[in-house]
Amino acid sequence: MGLTVLVLVAAFAFGRLAGGPGPLFAPQVHRVGLLVAAFAVQAAEPLVAGEVAYSFPLCLAVSATLMVQFAAGNLRVPGVALATLGLCANALVVIVNGAMPVSESAVARAGISVEHLALESDDRHEPLDGASRMTALADRIPVPIPGHREVDSVGDVGIAAGAGLYAFAAAYRRRGMFASSGIMARWEPERC
């Protein structure tokens, strides 16, 4: 989460500096209710954790499904597809393992004590070991942010990058930057 906040702030600040003074032009999103529902499901998970078996993987699966539906209606909005792919990657590894595997060597490289994480008592995380599946998607990326050290997954990096791209697009006030006549036009495949 700290990485996402850092990327959001940096992308917004860079967009404001690069775009010059003026009002914000946040890209228009559709079906916002799906996005709100996806976050609400994740926020509600701790409330049902004691009552519902496998609540964390179940809630992540529901949240990822809602995000895919949200992304389908917002494919042209900068960052939405990337953040959705990140959430789906996280949901996939949690579903197949029952919790997010965490590399203890990455924890040490991030400067966090393994005891501080208390992986044995955390229902959302587990130590990465030989029984872990899809380990490439696990929490293995040390992120030693000053004041907030964490270990993130490839999915977390995707979520942060997508959020940052959206923040930059909102703060960069030159119209057309991400429109069909701007940068995104060069990235679109040719149509036959």
N, C-alpha and C. Protein backbone atom coordinates (compact mmCIF):
# COMPACT_ATOMS: atom_id res chain seq x y z
N MET A 1 0.82 -1.20 0.00
CA MET A 1 0.00 0.00 0.00
C MET A 1 0.86 1.26 0.00
N GLY A 2 1.98 1.21 0.71
CA GLY A 2 2.87 2.36 0.76
C GLY A 2 3.44 2.71 -0.60
N LEU A 3 3.74 1.67 -1.40
CA LEU A 3 4.26 1.91 -2.74
C LEU A 3 3.22 2.62 -3.60
N THR A 4 1.97 2.19 -3.50
CA THR A 4 0.90 2.81 -4.29
C THR A 4 0.74 4.28 -3.91
N VAL A 5 0.75 4.58 -2.62
CA VAL A 5 0.62 5.97 -2.17
C VAL A 5 1.80 6.80 -2.66
N LEU A 6 3.01 6.27 -2.55
CA LEU A 6 4.20 6.98 -3.01
C LEU A 6 4.14 7.26 -4.51
N VAL A 7 3.75 6.26 -5.30
CA VAL A 7 3.66 6.43 -6.75
C VAL A 7 2.56 7.42 -7.11
N LEU A 8 1.41 7.36 -6.42
CA LEU A 8 0.33 8.31 -6.67
C LEU A 8 0.78 9.75 -6.45
N VAL A 9 1.42 9.99 -5.31
CA VAL A 9 1.87 11.34 -4.98
C VAL A 9 2.92 11.82 -5.98
N ALA A 10 3.90 10.96 -6.29
CA ALA A 10 4.96 11.34 -7.23
C ALA A 10 4.41 11.58 -8.62
N ALA A 11 3.51 10.71 -9.09
CA ALA A 11 2.95 10.87 -10.44
C ALA A 11 2.10 12.13 -10.54
N PHE A 12 1.32 12.40 -9.50
CA PHE A 12 0.50 13.61 -9.50
C PHE A 12 1.39 14.86 -9.50
N ALA A 13 2.42 14.85 -8.65
CA ALA A 13 3.32 16.01 -8.58
C ALA A 13 4.05 16.21 -9.91
N PHE A 14 4.54 15.13 -10.49
CA PHE A 14 5.24 15.24 -11.77
C PHE A 14 4.29 15.72 -12.86
N GLY A 15 3.06 15.24 -12.85
CA GLY A 15 2.07 15.69 -13.83
C GLY A 15 1.77 17.16 -13.70
N ARG A 16 1.67 17.62 -12.45
CA ARG A 16 1.41 19.06 -12.23
C ARG A 16 2.59 19.90 -12.70
N LEU A 17 3.81 19.44 -12.41
CA LEU A 17 5.00 20.19 -12.83
C LEU A 17 5.14 20.20 -14.35
N ALA A 18 4.92 19.06 -14.97
CA ALA A 18 5.11 18.96 -16.42
C ALA A 18 3.99 19.59 -17.21
N GLY A 19 2.78 19.64 -16.64
CA GLY A 19 1.63 20.12 -17.39
C GLY A 19 1.37 21.60 -17.29
N GLY A 20 2.02 22.29 -16.40
CA GLY A 20 1.79 23.71 -16.26
C GLY A 20 0.55 24.02 -15.44
N PRO A 21 0.34 25.30 -15.15
CA PRO A 21 -0.79 25.69 -14.31
C PRO A 21 -2.12 25.51 -15.03
N GLY A 22 -3.16 25.36 -14.26
CA GLY A 22 -4.49 25.23 -14.84
C GLY A 22 -5.30 24.18 -14.12
N PRO A 23 -6.53 24.00 -14.57
CA PRO A 23 -7.42 23.04 -13.91
C PRO A 23 -7.01 21.60 -14.22
N LEU A 24 -7.48 20.69 -13.37
CA LEU A 24 -7.23 19.27 -13.60
C LEU A 24 -8.21 18.73 -14.65
N PHE A 25 -7.77 17.78 -15.43
CA PHE A 25 -8.61 17.12 -16.42
C PHE A 25 -8.59 15.62 -16.14
N ALA A 26 -9.25 15.21 -15.08
CA ALA A 26 -9.27 13.79 -14.74
C ALA A 26 -9.97 13.01 -15.84
N PRO A 27 -9.36 11.93 -16.30
CA PRO A 27 -10.02 11.11 -17.32
C PRO A 27 -11.38 10.62 -16.82
N GLN A 28 -12.36 10.67 -17.67
CA GLN A 28 -13.71 10.28 -17.29
C GLN A 28 -13.80 8.76 -17.17
N VAL A 29 -14.33 8.29 -16.05
CA VAL A 29 -14.52 6.86 -15.84
C VAL A 29 -16.01 6.55 -15.80
N HIS A 30 -16.34 5.35 -16.22
CA HIS A 30 -17.73 4.89 -16.25
C HIS A 30 -17.88 3.73 -15.27
N ARG A 31 -19.11 3.49 -14.85
CA ARG A 31 -19.42 2.35 -13.97
C ARG A 31 -18.61 2.40 -12.67
N VAL A 32 -18.55 3.57 -12.06
CA VAL A 32 -17.79 3.78 -10.83
C VAL A 32 -18.32 2.91 -9.69
N GLY A 33 -19.60 2.57 -9.73
CA GLY A 33 -20.17 1.73 -8.70
C GLY A 33 -19.46 0.38 -8.58
N LEU A 34 -18.98 -0.16 -9.70
CA LEU A 34 -18.23 -1.41 -9.67
C LEU A 34 -16.90 -1.24 -8.94
N LEU A 35 -16.25 -0.11 -9.16
CA LEU A 35 -14.99 0.17 -8.48
C LEU A 35 -15.21 0.33 -6.98
N VAL A 36 -16.24 1.05 -6.60
CA VAL A 36 -16.58 1.24 -5.19
C VAL A 36 -16.91 -0.10 -4.55
N ALA A 37 -17.66 -0.93 -5.26
CA ALA A 37 -18.02 -2.25 -4.73
C ALA A 37 -16.79 -3.13 -4.55
N ALA A 38 -15.83 -3.05 -5.48
CA ALA A 38 -14.60 -3.84 -5.38
C ALA A 38 -13.81 -3.46 -4.13
N PHE A 39 -13.71 -2.17 -3.85
CA PHE A 39 -13.02 -1.72 -2.64
C PHE A 39 -13.82 -2.07 -1.38
N ALA A 40 -15.14 -1.97 -1.46
CA ALA A 40 -15.99 -2.28 -0.31
C ALA A 40 -15.87 -3.75 0.09
N VAL A 41 -15.78 -4.62 -0.89
CA VAL A 41 -15.63 -6.05 -0.60
C VAL A 41 -14.32 -6.30 0.14
N GLN A 42 -13.24 -5.66 -0.31
CA GLN A 42 -11.96 -5.83 0.37
C GLN A 42 -11.98 -5.21 1.77
N ALA A 43 -12.64 -4.08 1.92
CA ALA A 43 -12.71 -3.42 3.22
C ALA A 43 -13.57 -4.23 4.20
N ALA A 44 -14.56 -4.96 3.69
CA ALA A 44 -15.45 -5.74 4.55
C ALA A 44 -14.84 -7.08 4.96
N GLU A 45 -13.80 -7.52 4.27
CA GLU A 45 -13.22 -8.84 4.55
C GLU A 45 -12.83 -9.03 6.00
N PRO A 46 -12.15 -8.09 6.66
CA PRO A 46 -11.81 -8.31 8.07
C PRO A 46 -13.03 -8.48 8.97
N LEU A 47 -14.16 -7.91 8.58
CA LEU A 47 -15.38 -8.00 9.38
C LEU A 47 -16.00 -9.40 9.32
N VAL A 48 -15.78 -10.12 8.21
CA VAL A 48 -16.36 -11.45 8.06
C VAL A 48 -15.33 -12.56 8.20
N ALA A 49 -14.08 -12.20 8.47
CA ALA A 49 -12.99 -13.18 8.51
C ALA A 49 -13.25 -14.29 9.51
N GLY A 50 -13.81 -14.00 10.66
CA GLY A 50 -14.06 -15.02 11.66
C GLY A 50 -15.27 -15.88 11.35
N GLU A 51 -16.15 -15.40 10.51
CA GLU A 51 -17.40 -16.10 10.21
C GLU A 51 -17.34 -16.91 8.92
N VAL A 52 -16.55 -16.48 7.96
CA VAL A 52 -16.53 -17.10 6.64
C VAL A 52 -15.16 -17.76 6.41
N ALA A 53 -15.19 -19.07 6.13
CA ALA A 53 -13.94 -19.78 5.85
C ALA A 53 -13.35 -19.26 4.53
N TYR A 54 -12.05 -19.11 4.51
CA TYR A 54 -11.33 -18.63 3.32
C TYR A 54 -11.86 -17.27 2.86
N SER A 55 -12.15 -16.40 3.79
CA SER A 55 -12.73 -15.10 3.44
C SER A 55 -11.79 -14.25 2.60
N PHE A 56 -10.48 -14.30 2.87
CA PHE A 56 -9.55 -13.46 2.12
C PHE A 56 -9.49 -13.86 0.65
N PRO A 57 -9.26 -15.14 0.31
CA PRO A 57 -9.27 -15.49 -1.12
C PRO A 57 -10.62 -15.24 -1.78
N LEU A 58 -11.70 -15.51 -1.05
CA LEU A 58 -13.03 -15.31 -1.61
C LEU A 58 -13.29 -13.84 -1.91
N CYS A 59 -12.96 -12.97 -0.96
CA CYS A 59 -13.17 -11.54 -1.17
C CYS A 59 -12.28 -10.99 -2.28
N LEU A 60 -11.05 -11.48 -2.37
CA LEU A 60 -10.18 -11.03 -3.46
C LEU A 60 -10.71 -11.49 -4.81
N ALA A 61 -11.26 -12.68 -4.88
CA ALA A 61 -11.84 -13.17 -6.13
C ALA A 61 -13.03 -12.32 -6.56
N VAL A 62 -13.90 -11.99 -5.60
CA VAL A 62 -15.06 -11.15 -5.91
C VAL A 62 -14.60 -9.75 -6.32
N SER A 63 -13.63 -9.20 -5.59
CA SER A 63 -13.12 -7.88 -5.90
C SER A 63 -12.47 -7.84 -7.29
N ALA A 64 -11.70 -8.86 -7.62
CA ALA A 64 -11.05 -8.92 -8.94
C ALA A 64 -12.10 -9.03 -10.04
N THR A 65 -13.16 -9.79 -9.80
CA THR A 65 -14.23 -9.92 -10.80
C THR A 65 -14.90 -8.57 -11.04
N LEU A 66 -15.16 -7.85 -9.97
CA LEU A 66 -15.76 -6.52 -10.11
C LEU A 66 -14.82 -5.57 -10.85
N MET A 67 -13.52 -5.65 -10.55
CA MET A 67 -12.54 -4.78 -11.22
C MET A 67 -12.44 -5.10 -12.71
N VAL A 68 -12.53 -6.36 -13.07
CA VAL A 68 -12.49 -6.73 -14.49
C VAL A 68 -13.69 -6.13 -15.21
N GLN A 69 -14.86 -6.19 -14.57
CA GLN A 69 -16.05 -5.58 -15.17
C GLN A 69 -15.89 -4.07 -15.27
N PHE A 70 -15.32 -3.45 -14.25
CA PHE A 70 -15.06 -2.00 -14.28
C PHE A 70 -14.08 -1.67 -15.40
N ALA A 71 -13.01 -2.45 -15.51
CA ALA A 71 -11.99 -2.19 -16.53
C ALA A 71 -12.55 -2.36 -17.93
N ALA A 72 -13.46 -3.32 -18.11
CA ALA A 72 -14.04 -3.55 -19.44
C ALA A 72 -14.75 -2.30 -19.95
N GLY A 73 -15.32 -1.52 -19.06
CA GLY A 73 -15.99 -0.28 -19.46
C GLY A 73 -15.08 0.93 -19.50
N ASN A 74 -13.81 0.74 -19.13
CA ASN A 74 -12.88 1.88 -19.03
C ASN A 74 -11.51 1.57 -19.62
N LEU A 75 -11.46 0.80 -20.68
CA LEU A 75 -10.18 0.38 -21.25
C LEU A 75 -9.35 1.54 -21.78
N ARG A 76 -9.98 2.63 -22.15
CA ARG A 76 -9.23 3.78 -22.68
C ARG A 76 -8.76 4.74 -21.58
N VAL A 77 -9.17 4.49 -20.35
CA VAL A 77 -8.75 5.34 -19.24
C VAL A 77 -7.34 4.92 -18.82
N PRO A 78 -6.39 5.84 -18.82
CA PRO A 78 -5.00 5.48 -18.48
C PRO A 78 -4.89 4.83 -17.11
N GLY A 79 -4.23 3.69 -17.07
CA GLY A 79 -3.92 3.01 -15.82
C GLY A 79 -4.93 1.99 -15.34
N VAL A 80 -6.16 2.04 -15.83
CA VAL A 80 -7.21 1.14 -15.33
C VAL A 80 -6.88 -0.31 -15.64
N ALA A 81 -6.52 -0.61 -16.86
CA ALA A 81 -6.21 -2.00 -17.24
C ALA A 81 -5.00 -2.52 -16.46
N LEU A 82 -3.99 -1.69 -16.29
CA LEU A 82 -2.78 -2.09 -15.56
C LEU A 82 -3.08 -2.40 -14.09
N ALA A 83 -3.86 -1.54 -13.45
CA ALA A 83 -4.22 -1.77 -12.05
C ALA A 83 -5.09 -3.02 -11.92
N THR A 84 -5.97 -3.24 -12.87
CA THR A 84 -6.82 -4.43 -12.85
C THR A 84 -6.00 -5.70 -13.01
N LEU A 85 -5.03 -5.68 -13.90
CA LEU A 85 -4.14 -6.84 -14.06
C LEU A 85 -3.38 -7.12 -12.76
N GLY A 86 -2.95 -6.07 -12.09
CA GLY A 86 -2.26 -6.23 -10.81
C GLY A 86 -3.14 -6.87 -9.76
N LEU A 87 -4.38 -6.41 -9.65
CA LEU A 87 -5.30 -6.98 -8.68
C LEU A 87 -5.61 -8.44 -9.02
N CYS A 88 -5.79 -8.73 -10.30
CA CYS A 88 -6.06 -10.11 -10.72
C CYS A 88 -4.87 -11.02 -10.42
N ALA A 89 -3.66 -10.54 -10.61
CA ALA A 89 -2.46 -11.33 -10.28
C ALA A 89 -2.42 -11.63 -8.79
N ASN A 90 -2.71 -10.64 -7.96
CA ASN A 90 -2.75 -10.86 -6.51
C ASN A 90 -3.85 -11.85 -6.14
N ALA A 91 -5.03 -11.69 -6.74
CA ALA A 91 -6.14 -12.59 -6.43
C ALA A 91 -5.79 -14.03 -6.83
N LEU A 92 -5.14 -14.20 -7.98
CA LEU A 92 -4.80 -15.53 -8.45
C LEU A 92 -3.86 -16.25 -7.50
N VAL A 93 -2.80 -15.58 -7.07
CA VAL A 93 -1.83 -16.23 -6.17
C VAL A 93 -2.45 -16.50 -4.81
N VAL A 94 -3.33 -15.63 -4.33
CA VAL A 94 -3.99 -15.86 -3.04
C VAL A 94 -4.99 -17.01 -3.15
N ILE A 95 -5.71 -17.08 -4.24
CA ILE A 95 -6.69 -18.16 -4.41
C ILE A 95 -6.01 -19.52 -4.45
N VAL A 96 -4.91 -19.66 -5.18
CA VAL A 96 -4.26 -20.97 -5.28
C VAL A 96 -3.50 -21.36 -4.01
N ASN A 97 -3.13 -20.39 -3.18
CA ASN A 97 -2.38 -20.68 -1.95
C ASN A 97 -3.22 -20.55 -0.68
N GLY A 98 -4.34 -19.87 -0.74
CA GLY A 98 -5.14 -19.62 0.45
C GLY A 98 -4.73 -18.36 1.19
N ALA A 99 -3.55 -17.85 0.90
CA ALA A 99 -3.02 -16.62 1.49
C ALA A 99 -1.88 -16.15 0.58
N MET A 100 -1.41 -14.94 0.80
CA MET A 100 -0.30 -14.41 -0.01
C MET A 100 1.02 -14.90 0.56
N PRO A 101 1.78 -15.70 -0.23
CA PRO A 101 3.11 -16.11 0.24
C PRO A 101 4.06 -14.92 0.28
N VAL A 102 4.88 -14.86 1.33
CA VAL A 102 5.81 -13.76 1.52
C VAL A 102 7.22 -14.34 1.64
N SER A 103 8.13 -13.83 0.82
CA SER A 103 9.52 -14.26 0.85
C SER A 103 10.21 -13.66 2.07
N GLU A 104 10.71 -14.53 2.93
CA GLU A 104 11.38 -14.04 4.13
C GLU A 104 12.72 -13.39 3.79
N SER A 105 13.37 -13.82 2.70
CA SER A 105 14.61 -13.15 2.30
C SER A 105 14.32 -11.74 1.79
N ALA A 106 13.18 -11.55 1.10
CA ALA A 106 12.80 -10.20 0.67
C ALA A 106 12.45 -9.33 1.86
N VAL A 107 11.85 -9.93 2.87
CA VAL A 107 11.54 -9.20 4.10
C VAL A 107 12.83 -8.68 4.73
N ALA A 108 13.84 -9.54 4.79
CA ALA A 108 15.13 -9.13 5.36
C ALA A 108 15.78 -8.05 4.51
N ARG A 109 15.71 -8.18 3.17
CA ARG A 109 16.31 -7.16 2.28
C ARG A 109 15.60 -5.82 2.40
N ALA A 110 14.31 -5.85 2.74
CA ALA A 110 13.56 -4.60 2.92
C ALA A 110 13.87 -3.94 4.26
N GLY A 111 14.56 -4.69 5.14
CA GLY A 111 14.91 -4.14 6.45
C GLY A 111 13.82 -4.33 7.48
N ILE A 112 12.98 -5.34 7.29
CA ILE A 112 11.90 -5.64 8.23
C ILE A 112 12.27 -6.92 8.97
N SER A 113 11.98 -6.98 10.25
CA SER A 113 12.24 -8.22 10.97
C SER A 113 11.10 -9.19 10.70
N VAL A 114 11.45 -10.46 10.51
CA VAL A 114 10.45 -11.49 10.23
C VAL A 114 9.47 -11.61 11.41
N GLU A 115 9.95 -11.41 12.61
CA GLU A 115 9.09 -11.48 13.78
C GLU A 115 8.03 -10.37 13.75
N HIS A 116 8.39 -9.23 13.21
CA HIS A 116 7.46 -8.10 13.12
C HIS A 116 6.25 -8.45 12.24
N LEU A 117 6.48 -9.25 11.20
CA LEU A 117 5.38 -9.61 10.31
C LEU A 117 4.41 -10.59 10.94
N ALA A 118 4.88 -11.46 11.81
CA ALA A 118 4.04 -12.47 12.47
C ALA A 118 3.24 -13.28 11.46
N LEU A 119 3.94 -13.86 10.48
CA LEU A 119 3.29 -14.61 9.41
C LEU A 119 2.49 -15.80 9.91
N GLU A 120 2.90 -16.39 11.03
CA GLU A 120 2.20 -17.57 11.55
C GLU A 120 0.79 -17.23 12.04
N SER A 121 0.58 -16.02 12.50
CA SER A 121 -0.74 -15.63 13.03
C SER A 121 -1.55 -14.77 12.06
N ASP A 122 -1.04 -14.52 10.87
CA ASP A 122 -1.70 -13.67 9.88
C ASP A 122 -2.45 -14.56 8.88
N ASP A 123 -3.77 -14.43 8.81
CA ASP A 123 -4.57 -15.23 7.89
C ASP A 123 -4.40 -14.81 6.44
N ARG A 124 -3.90 -13.60 6.19
CA ARG A 124 -3.77 -13.08 4.83
C ARG A 124 -2.41 -13.40 4.20
N HIS A 125 -1.43 -13.71 5.01
CA HIS A 125 -0.07 -13.97 4.52
C HIS A 125 0.47 -15.26 5.11
N GLU A 126 1.41 -15.87 4.39
CA GLU A 126 2.07 -17.09 4.86
C GLU A 126 3.51 -17.07 4.35
N PRO A 127 4.40 -17.78 5.02
CA PRO A 127 5.78 -17.82 4.53
C PRO A 127 5.88 -18.52 3.18
N LEU A 128 6.68 -17.98 2.30
CA LEU A 128 6.94 -18.60 0.99
C LEU A 128 7.84 -19.81 1.24
N ASP A 129 7.38 -20.99 0.80
CA ASP A 129 8.18 -22.19 0.99
C ASP A 129 8.00 -23.12 -0.22
N GLY A 130 8.48 -24.33 -0.10
CA GLY A 130 8.41 -25.29 -1.20
C GLY A 130 6.99 -25.67 -1.59
N ALA A 131 6.04 -25.51 -0.67
CA ALA A 131 4.65 -25.85 -0.97
C ALA A 131 3.90 -24.70 -1.65
N SER A 132 4.48 -23.53 -1.67
CA SER A 132 3.83 -22.36 -2.29
C SER A 132 3.76 -22.54 -3.79
N ARG A 133 2.65 -22.10 -4.35
CA ARG A 133 2.45 -22.16 -5.80
C ARG A 133 2.43 -20.76 -6.39
N MET A 134 2.77 -20.67 -7.66
CA MET A 134 2.81 -19.39 -8.38
C MET A 134 3.68 -18.37 -7.64
N THR A 135 4.86 -18.80 -7.27
CA THR A 135 5.74 -17.99 -6.43
C THR A 135 6.22 -16.71 -7.13
N ALA A 136 6.20 -16.68 -8.44
CA ALA A 136 6.61 -15.46 -9.15
C ALA A 136 5.66 -14.30 -8.84
N LEU A 137 4.42 -14.62 -8.45
CA LEU A 137 3.43 -13.58 -8.15
C LEU A 137 3.34 -13.27 -6.65
N ALA A 138 4.15 -13.93 -5.85
CA ALA A 138 4.11 -13.74 -4.39
C ALA A 138 4.75 -12.41 -3.99
N ASP A 139 4.64 -12.09 -2.71
CA ASP A 139 5.31 -10.90 -2.16
C ASP A 139 6.80 -11.21 -2.08
N ARG A 140 7.56 -10.72 -3.07
CA ARG A 140 8.99 -10.99 -3.14
C ARG A 140 9.82 -9.77 -3.49
N ILE A 141 9.19 -8.61 -3.62
CA ILE A 141 9.90 -7.40 -4.03
C ILE A 141 10.10 -6.50 -2.81
N PRO A 142 11.34 -6.38 -2.31
CA PRO A 142 11.55 -5.50 -1.15
C PRO A 142 11.41 -4.04 -1.55
N VAL A 143 10.65 -3.29 -0.77
CA VAL A 143 10.44 -1.87 -1.03
C VAL A 143 10.77 -1.11 0.25
N PRO A 144 12.04 -0.70 0.38
CA PRO A 144 12.45 0.00 1.61
C PRO A 144 12.15 1.50 1.55
N ILE A 145 10.87 1.85 1.53
CA ILE A 145 10.46 3.25 1.54
C ILE A 145 10.85 3.84 2.89
N PRO A 146 11.54 4.97 2.90
CA PRO A 146 11.90 5.56 4.20
C PRO A 146 10.66 5.80 5.07
N GLY A 147 10.71 5.27 6.27
CA GLY A 147 9.59 5.42 7.19
C GLY A 147 8.52 4.36 7.04
N HIS A 148 8.54 3.60 5.95
CA HIS A 148 7.54 2.55 5.74
C HIS A 148 8.14 1.48 4.83
N ARG A 149 8.67 0.44 5.42
CA ARG A 149 9.27 -0.64 4.65
C ARG A 149 8.22 -1.72 4.41
N GLU A 150 8.23 -2.29 3.22
CA GLU A 150 7.26 -3.33 2.90
C GLU A 150 7.81 -4.27 1.84
N VAL A 151 7.13 -5.37 1.64
CA VAL A 151 7.47 -6.33 0.58
C VAL A 151 6.23 -6.44 -0.29
N ASP A 152 6.40 -6.22 -1.58
CA ASP A 152 5.28 -6.20 -2.51
C ASP A 152 5.38 -7.31 -3.53
N SER A 153 4.28 -7.52 -4.22
CA SER A 153 4.21 -8.51 -5.29
C SER A 153 4.23 -7.80 -6.64
N VAL A 154 4.33 -8.59 -7.70
CA VAL A 154 4.23 -8.03 -9.05
C VAL A 154 2.87 -7.37 -9.22
N GLY A 155 1.82 -7.98 -8.64
CA GLY A 155 0.49 -7.39 -8.70
C GLY A 155 0.42 -6.04 -8.01
N ASP A 156 1.08 -5.92 -6.86
CA ASP A 156 1.12 -4.64 -6.15
C ASP A 156 1.80 -3.56 -7.00
N VAL A 157 2.86 -3.96 -7.69
CA VAL A 157 3.57 -3.01 -8.57
C VAL A 157 2.65 -2.60 -9.72
N GLY A 158 1.87 -3.54 -10.26
CA GLY A 158 0.92 -3.21 -11.32
C GLY A 158 -0.16 -2.26 -10.84
N ILE A 159 -0.68 -2.49 -9.65
CA ILE A 159 -1.69 -1.61 -9.07
C ILE A 159 -1.12 -0.21 -8.88
N ALA A 160 0.10 -0.12 -8.34
CA ALA A 160 0.74 1.18 -8.11
C ALA A 160 1.00 1.89 -9.43
N ALA A 161 1.48 1.15 -10.44
CA ALA A 161 1.75 1.77 -11.74
C ALA A 161 0.47 2.26 -12.40
N GLY A 162 -0.59 1.47 -12.32
CA GLY A 162 -1.87 1.90 -12.90
C GLY A 162 -2.43 3.12 -12.21
N ALA A 163 -2.36 3.13 -10.88
CA ALA A 163 -2.84 4.29 -10.12
C ALA A 163 -1.99 5.52 -10.44
N GLY A 164 -0.68 5.32 -10.57
CA GLY A 164 0.20 6.43 -10.90
C GLY A 164 -0.07 6.99 -12.29
N LEU A 165 -0.32 6.12 -13.24
CA LEU A 165 -0.62 6.56 -14.61
C LEU A 165 -1.91 7.38 -14.64
N TYR A 166 -2.91 6.93 -13.88
CA TYR A 166 -4.15 7.69 -13.81
C TYR A 166 -3.92 9.05 -13.16
N ALA A 167 -3.15 9.08 -12.05
CA ALA A 167 -2.88 10.34 -11.36
C ALA A 167 -2.11 11.30 -12.26
N PHE A 168 -1.14 10.78 -13.01
CA PHE A 168 -0.39 11.63 -13.92
C PHE A 168 -1.32 12.20 -14.99
N ALA A 169 -2.17 11.34 -15.56
CA ALA A 169 -3.10 11.79 -16.62
C ALA A 169 -4.05 12.86 -16.08
N ALA A 170 -4.46 12.74 -14.82
CA ALA A 170 -5.36 13.72 -14.23
C ALA A 170 -4.65 15.05 -13.98
N ALA A 171 -3.38 14.98 -13.59
CA ALA A 171 -2.64 16.19 -13.23
C ALA A 171 -2.03 16.88 -14.43
N TYR A 172 -1.73 16.13 -15.48
CA TYR A 172 -1.11 16.70 -16.67
C TYR A 172 -2.20 17.37 -17.49
N ARG A 173 -2.23 18.66 -17.48
CA ARG A 173 -3.36 19.41 -17.99
C ARG A 173 -3.35 19.69 -19.47
N ARG A 174 -2.47 19.13 -20.20
CA ARG A 174 -2.50 19.37 -21.66
C ARG A 174 -3.44 18.36 -22.28
N ARG A 175 -4.51 18.84 -22.77
CA ARG A 175 -5.52 17.95 -23.36
C ARG A 175 -4.92 17.17 -24.53
N GLY A 176 -5.39 15.97 -24.68
CA GLY A 176 -4.95 15.16 -25.81
C GLY A 176 -3.74 14.30 -25.54
N MET A 177 -3.12 14.43 -24.37
CA MET A 177 -1.92 13.64 -24.06
C MET A 177 -2.20 12.16 -24.17
N PHE A 178 -3.34 11.73 -23.63
CA PHE A 178 -3.68 10.32 -23.66
C PHE A 178 -4.88 10.06 -24.57
N ALA A 179 -5.27 11.04 -25.33
CA ALA A 179 -6.41 10.87 -26.24
C ALA A 179 -5.94 10.17 -27.51
N SER A 180 -6.89 9.90 -28.38
CA SER A 180 -6.57 9.15 -29.60
C SER A 180 -5.61 9.90 -30.51
N SER A 181 -5.47 11.21 -30.33
CA SER A 181 -4.53 11.96 -31.15
C SER A 181 -3.18 12.13 -30.47
N GLY A 182 -3.06 11.67 -29.23
CA GLY A 182 -1.82 11.84 -28.47
C GLY A 182 -0.99 10.59 -28.41
N ILE A 183 -0.34 10.37 -27.29
CA ILE A 183 0.57 9.25 -27.10
C ILE A 183 -0.12 7.91 -27.31
N MET A 184 -1.32 7.75 -26.79
CA MET A 184 -2.00 6.46 -26.88
C MET A 184 -2.26 6.06 -28.33
N ALA A 185 -2.35 7.02 -29.23
CA ALA A 185 -2.58 6.69 -30.63
C ALA A 185 -1.43 5.88 -31.19
N ARG A 186 -0.20 6.13 -30.74
CA ARG A 186 0.95 5.38 -31.22
C ARG A 186 0.99 3.96 -30.68
N TRP A 187 0.31 3.72 -29.56
CA TRP A 187 0.31 2.40 -28.93
C TRP A 187 -0.79 1.51 -29.44
N GLU A 188 -1.78 2.06 -30.14
CA GLU A 188 -2.90 1.25 -30.60
C GLU A 188 -2.47 0.40 -31.80
N PRO A 189 -2.88 -0.88 -31.83
CA PRO A 189 -2.52 -1.74 -32.97
C PRO A 189 -3.24 -1.28 -34.23
N GLU A 190 -2.61 -1.56 -35.37
CA GLU A 190 -3.23 -1.20 -36.63
C GLU A 190 -4.46 -2.05 -36.86
N ARG A 191 -5.45 -1.47 -37.47
CA ARG A 191 -6.68 -2.21 -37.77
C ARG A 191 -6.70 -2.53 -39.25
N CYS A 192 -7.06 -3.75 -39.54
CA CYS A 192 -7.13 -4.19 -40.96
C CYS A 192 -8.47 -3.88 -41.56
